Amino acid sequence: MKVTLIGAGNMGSGLAKHITKAGHTLVITGRDSAKATALAETTGATFKASNAAEGADVVIVATAYGDAVTALGAVGNLAGKVVIDITNPLTADYMGLTIGHNTSAAEEIQKAFPTVKVVKAFNTVFAQTLASGPLLGGETIPVYFAGDDVTAKETVKTLIQSTGFVAVDAGSLKNARYLEPLGGLNIYFGYGAGKGTAIAPKWIGIS
């Protein structure tokens, strides 16, 4: 699979490691070209400063939610492509969400790019846990994914499974309205309640 990753931060670094280890072809881009280049060199990916989405089967936006639309708009023609949104629309103190109830970050990205196929995924996994995964406490970490396009969801499911995580179908894209608060709750437990980042949400009996 050909994957373009936008962002070379903590989440991007963890994803890059697993994607290349799984044998996929990875292109990395980001506004900090030095950081993106360094990550590409470390993981065996390729850095592209412009038109980074060209030829990609999947584009992953691993930026802050506030930067996502701008970042996606800078990678070239996205028409028809699968876009994985891993963002959470967090407040400045990371203890709340800026949008919810009747929309989500994923749905807003879909509105901004109506010709792409947005799938929500990876937003409930801490960057540190993602990097060290897919195992946590002897169990495989689940990655919940939600989207409206059946083929796009199958592509994302395949990508998730290839990296060793458990892919759990969370339904249509509007269910990102549930996944994003779940990501927020995980952040509360990790930082607000001081439980640390070696945690991940999992439903018993669902695989």
Protein backbone atom coordinates (compact mmCIF):
# COMPACT_ATOMS: atom_id res chain seq x y z
CA MET A 1 0.00 0.00 0.00
CA LYS A 2 1.21 3.53 -0.76
CA VAL A 3 0.69 5.84 2.20
CA THR A 4 1.26 9.57 2.62
CA LEU A 5 1.67 10.78 6.19
CA ILE A 6 1.18 14.46 7.01
CA GLY A 7 2.95 15.34 10.23
CA ALA A 8 6.17 14.28 11.91
CA GLY A 9 5.19 14.76 15.55
CA ASN A 10 4.74 12.06 18.17
CA MET A 11 1.72 10.42 16.54
CA GLY A 12 3.26 10.68 13.09
CA SER A 13 6.48 9.12 14.32
CA GLY A 14 4.67 6.14 15.82
CA LEU A 15 2.60 5.59 12.70
CA ALA A 16 5.61 5.90 10.41
CA LYS A 17 7.46 3.21 12.34
CA HIS A 18 4.62 0.70 12.06
CA ILE A 19 3.70 1.51 8.47
CA THR A 20 7.19 0.98 7.09
CA LYS A 21 7.75 -2.07 9.29
CA ALA A 22 4.63 -3.59 7.73
CA GLY A 23 6.19 -3.19 4.29
CA HIS A 24 4.10 -0.31 2.98
CA THR A 25 5.58 2.48 0.86
CA LEU A 26 5.52 5.67 2.92
CA VAL A 27 5.89 9.33 1.96
CA ILE A 28 6.18 11.84 4.80
CA THR A 29 5.49 15.55 4.57
CA GLY A 30 4.96 18.36 7.06
CA ARG A 31 5.41 22.05 7.69
CA ASP A 32 8.66 21.33 9.58
CA SER A 33 10.61 19.91 6.66
CA ALA A 34 13.73 19.20 8.73
CA LYS A 35 11.74 17.13 11.21
CA ALA A 36 9.84 15.32 8.45
CA THR A 37 13.05 14.58 6.58
CA ALA A 38 14.69 13.21 9.72
CA LEU A 39 11.71 10.95 10.39
CA ALA A 40 11.76 9.70 6.81
CA GLU A 41 15.44 8.85 7.07
CA THR A 42 14.92 7.07 10.40
CA THR A 43 12.01 4.93 9.21
CA GLY A 44 13.02 4.23 5.62
CA ALA A 45 10.33 6.47 4.18
CA THR A 46 10.63 9.25 1.59
CA PHE A 47 10.22 12.95 2.29
CA LYS A 48 8.31 15.12 -0.18
CA ALA A 49 7.88 18.84 0.30
CA SER A 50 5.14 19.27 -2.31
CA ASN A 51 2.49 17.21 -4.12
CA ALA A 52 3.00 14.56 -1.45
CA ALA A 53 -0.36 12.87 -2.03
CA GLU A 54 0.44 11.96 -5.62
CA GLY A 55 0.06 8.21 -6.14
CA ALA A 56 -1.05 7.56 -2.55
CA ASP A 57 -3.70 4.97 -1.73
CA VAL A 58 -4.14 6.46 1.75
CA VAL A 59 -3.37 9.89 3.20
CA ILE A 60 -3.07 10.17 6.98
CA VAL A 61 -3.45 13.58 8.60
CA ALA A 62 -1.42 13.47 11.83
CA THR A 63 -1.54 17.14 12.73
CA ALA A 64 -3.51 19.01 15.36
CA TYR A 65 -7.16 19.28 14.35
CA GLY A 66 -6.86 23.04 13.87
CA ASP A 67 -4.15 22.52 11.25
CA ALA A 68 -5.72 19.55 9.48
CA VAL A 69 -7.65 21.26 6.68
CA THR A 70 -4.74 23.53 5.78
CA ALA A 71 -2.30 20.62 5.86
CA LEU A 72 -4.50 18.48 3.63
CA GLY A 73 -4.94 21.34 1.21
CA ALA A 74 -1.18 21.56 0.77
CA VAL A 75 -0.47 17.99 -0.40
CA GLY A 76 -1.97 18.10 -3.88
CA ASN A 77 -5.03 16.57 -5.49
CA LEU A 78 -6.95 14.44 -3.00
CA ALA A 79 -10.01 13.63 -5.12
CA GLY A 80 -11.15 10.06 -4.53
CA LYS A 81 -8.45 9.28 -1.98
CA VAL A 82 -8.87 7.65 1.40
CA VAL A 83 -8.03 10.12 4.16
CA ILE A 84 -7.49 8.86 7.70
CA ASP A 85 -8.23 11.49 10.33
CA ILE A 86 -6.48 10.74 13.63
CA THR A 87 -7.17 14.12 15.22
CA ASN A 88 -9.11 15.08 18.33
CA PRO A 89 -10.59 18.62 18.47
CA LEU A 90 -9.10 19.46 21.85
CA THR A 91 -9.25 22.62 23.92
CA ALA A 92 -6.01 24.40 24.79
CA ASP A 93 -5.70 22.54 28.10
CA TYR A 94 -6.43 19.16 26.43
CA MET A 95 -9.25 18.53 28.91
CA GLY A 96 -12.20 19.22 26.61
CA LEU A 97 -13.43 19.20 23.01
CA THR A 98 -14.09 22.27 20.89
CA ILE A 99 -16.82 20.62 18.82
CA GLY A 100 -19.22 17.72 19.28
CA HIS A 101 -22.82 16.51 19.60
CA ASN A 102 -23.90 17.43 16.06
CA THR A 103 -20.56 17.17 14.27
CA SER A 104 -16.99 15.95 14.71
CA ALA A 105 -13.48 16.72 13.50
CA ALA A 106 -13.78 13.93 10.95
CA GLU A 107 -17.08 15.23 9.60
CA GLU A 108 -15.73 18.77 9.35
CA ILE A 109 -12.76 17.50 7.36
CA GLN A 110 -15.15 15.58 5.12
CA LYS A 111 -17.14 18.79 4.54
CA ALA A 112 -13.95 20.65 3.62
CA PHE A 113 -12.96 17.92 1.14
CA PRO A 114 -16.21 16.41 -0.19
CA THR A 115 -14.47 14.35 -2.90
CA VAL A 116 -12.31 12.35 -0.46
CA LYS A 117 -13.28 9.34 1.66
CA VAL A 118 -12.63 10.22 5.29
CA VAL A 119 -12.18 7.46 7.85
CA LYS A 120 -11.65 8.18 11.54
CA ALA A 121 -8.99 6.00 13.19
CA PHE A 122 -6.15 5.91 15.76
CA ASN A 123 -7.51 8.88 17.77
CA THR A 124 -8.05 6.79 20.93
CA VAL A 125 -4.41 5.65 21.15
CA PHE A 126 -1.72 7.69 22.90
CA ALA A 127 1.34 8.51 20.82
CA GLN A 128 3.60 6.74 23.32
CA THR A 129 1.40 3.64 23.30
CA LEU A 130 1.19 3.72 19.51
CA ALA A 131 4.97 3.87 19.22
CA SER A 132 5.56 0.97 21.58
CA GLY A 133 2.54 -1.11 20.47
CA PRO A 134 0.71 -3.06 19.25
CA LEU A 135 0.87 -4.92 22.58
CA LEU A 136 -0.02 -3.32 25.92
CA GLY A 137 -0.06 -5.33 29.11
CA GLY A 138 -0.07 -8.55 27.12
CA GLU A 139 -3.09 -7.53 25.03
CA THR A 140 -3.26 -6.22 21.48
CA ILE A 141 -4.39 -2.60 21.33
CA PRO A 142 -7.67 -1.99 19.48
CA VAL A 143 -7.92 0.76 16.88
CA TYR A 144 -11.50 1.90 16.29
CA PHE A 145 -12.34 3.16 12.82
CA ALA A 146 -15.45 4.84 11.41
CA GLY A 147 -16.41 5.94 7.91
CA ASP A 148 -19.17 6.02 5.32
CA ASP A 149 -17.40 4.44 2.34
CA VAL A 150 -17.26 0.63 2.56
CA THR A 151 -14.23 0.25 0.31
CA ALA A 152 -12.32 2.97 2.14
CA LYS A 153 -13.05 1.30 5.46
CA GLU A 154 -11.76 -2.03 4.17
CA THR A 155 -8.55 -0.29 3.07
CA VAL A 156 -8.11 1.26 6.51
CA LYS A 157 -8.93 -2.03 8.23
CA THR A 158 -6.24 -3.76 6.16
CA LEU A 159 -3.72 -1.05 7.05
CA ILE A 160 -4.52 -1.27 10.76
CA GLN A 161 -4.27 -5.06 10.80
CA SER A 162 -1.01 -5.03 8.85
CA THR A 163 0.57 -2.98 11.63
CA GLY A 164 -0.43 -5.56 14.23
CA PHE A 165 -3.26 -3.69 15.93
CA VAL A 166 -6.83 -4.99 16.23
CA ALA A 167 -9.15 -3.17 13.82
CA VAL A 168 -12.61 -2.56 15.29
CA ASP A 169 -15.35 -1.24 13.00
CA ALA A 170 -17.14 1.60 14.81
CA GLY A 171 -19.74 2.26 12.13
CA SER A 172 -20.42 5.34 10.05
CA LEU A 173 -18.45 8.58 10.04
CA LYS A 174 -20.93 10.32 12.34
CA ASN A 175 -19.78 7.92 15.05
CA ALA A 176 -16.61 9.96 15.18
CA ARG A 177 -18.81 12.05 17.50
CA TYR A 178 -18.39 9.17 19.96
CA LEU A 179 -14.78 8.26 19.18
CA GLU A 180 -13.49 11.80 19.74
CA PRO A 181 -14.95 12.08 23.27
CA LEU A 182 -13.54 8.59 23.91
CA GLY A 183 -10.16 9.95 22.90
CA GLY A 184 -10.75 12.87 25.25
CA LEU A 185 -11.62 10.53 28.12
CA ASN A 186 -8.45 8.56 27.48
CA ILE A 187 -6.48 11.82 27.67
CA TYR A 188 -8.20 12.66 30.96
CA PHE A 189 -7.28 9.31 32.46
CA GLY A 190 -3.72 9.58 31.17
CA TYR A 191 -2.98 13.14 32.22
CA GLY A 192 -5.86 14.59 34.24
CA ALA A 193 -6.13 11.55 36.51
CA GLY A 194 -2.41 10.81 36.36
CA LYS A 195 -2.72 7.25 35.06
CA GLY A 196 0.02 7.70 32.47
CA THR A 197 0.05 6.93 28.77
CA ALA A 198 0.38 3.14 28.96
CA ILE A 199 -3.40 2.79 28.69
CA ALA A 200 -5.94 2.31 25.90
CA PRO A 201 -9.74 1.88 25.80
CA LYS A 202 -11.08 -1.57 25.02
CA TRP A 203 -14.55 -3.15 25.06
CA ILE A 204 -14.65 -6.62 26.58
CA GLY A 205 -16.17 -9.12 24.19
CA ILE A 206 -15.52 -7.02 21.05
CA SER A 207 -12.66 -7.90 18.70
